[in-house]
Amino acid sequence: MEQPQTGETVCAARRKAEDILLDQAFFAVDADVVARLQAMADRPLAPLDRLRCLMITKAPWDK
C-alpha cells in the first residue's frame, strides 16, 4: 500500500529539484571564445613567491 506524501516531503523534493536546476549552467559561445578560454586554461601560471615559500615550509606538526 502506497503512503500519501506529506507537505514536508513535497517541499523537500521541490527544494532538491531547484538545487539541481540551479547547479546547471549553459554558456552559448562561438568557437573563437572557446579557443581563447582554452588558451588561457592551458597557459601556466606565473610563479608566485608566496606559494613557493608555503610549499617548502614544513608543516607545524612535522617540526
Protein backbone atom coordinates (compact mmCIF):
# COMPACT_ATOMS: atom_id res chain seq x y z
CA MET A 1 0.00 0.00 0.00
CA GLU A 2 1.37 3.42 -1.00
CA GLN A 3 1.76 6.07 1.68
CA PRO A 4 0.46 9.56 0.93
CA GLN A 5 3.12 12.24 0.52
CA THR A 6 3.17 14.85 3.22
CA GLY A 7 3.67 18.52 2.57
CA GLU A 8 7.14 18.29 4.09
CA THR A 9 8.18 15.54 1.66
CA VAL A 10 6.88 17.50 -1.31
CA CYS A 11 8.72 20.65 -0.16
CA ALA A 12 11.96 18.71 0.31
CA ALA A 13 11.65 17.20 -3.17
CA ARG A 14 10.93 20.61 -4.65
CA ARG A 15 13.98 22.16 -2.94
CA LYS A 16 16.21 19.36 -4.20
CA ALA A 17 14.88 19.78 -7.75
CA GLU A 18 15.54 23.55 -7.58
CA ASP A 19 19.10 22.92 -6.32
CA ILE A 20 19.78 20.56 -9.21
CA LEU A 21 18.44 23.02 -11.76
CA LEU A 22 20.36 25.95 -10.26
CA ASP A 23 23.61 23.96 -10.35
CA GLN A 24 23.34 23.61 -14.12
CA ALA A 25 24.84 26.24 -16.37
CA PHE A 26 24.87 26.58 -20.12
CA PHE A 27 27.00 29.08 -21.98
CA ALA A 28 26.45 29.56 -25.70
CA VAL A 29 29.69 30.90 -27.16
CA ASP A 30 31.34 30.81 -30.56
CA ALA A 31 34.47 28.85 -31.46
CA ASP A 32 36.73 31.89 -31.02
CA VAL A 33 35.67 32.34 -27.40
CA VAL A 34 36.19 28.64 -26.72
CA ALA A 35 39.68 28.79 -28.25
CA ARG A 36 40.64 31.86 -26.17
CA LEU A 37 39.32 30.25 -22.99
CA GLN A 38 41.21 27.03 -23.74
CA ALA A 39 44.41 29.02 -24.38
CA MET A 40 44.02 30.79 -21.02
CA ALA A 41 43.41 27.49 -19.22
CA ASP A 42 46.44 25.87 -20.87
CA ARG A 43 48.81 28.75 -20.07
CA PRO A 44 50.94 28.03 -16.98
CA LEU A 45 50.61 30.41 -14.07
CA ALA A 46 53.42 32.78 -13.25
CA PRO A 47 55.48 31.58 -10.29
CA LEU A 48 54.34 33.06 -7.01
CA ASP A 49 56.96 33.61 -4.31
CA ARG A 50 54.40 33.27 -1.52
CA LEU A 51 53.18 29.93 -2.86
CA ARG A 52 56.74 28.68 -3.37
CA CYS A 53 57.57 29.61 0.24
CA LEU A 54 54.43 27.88 1.50
CA MET A 55 55.24 24.69 -0.39
CA ILE A 56 58.78 24.40 1.02
CA THR A 57 57.88 25.30 4.60
CA LYS A 58 57.45 22.32 6.94
CA ALA A 59 54.02 21.89 8.47
CA PRO A 60 53.88 22.70 12.20
CA TRP A 61 53.14 19.05 13.02
CA ASP A 62 56.20 17.91 11.06
CA LYS A 63 58.64 20.11 13.01
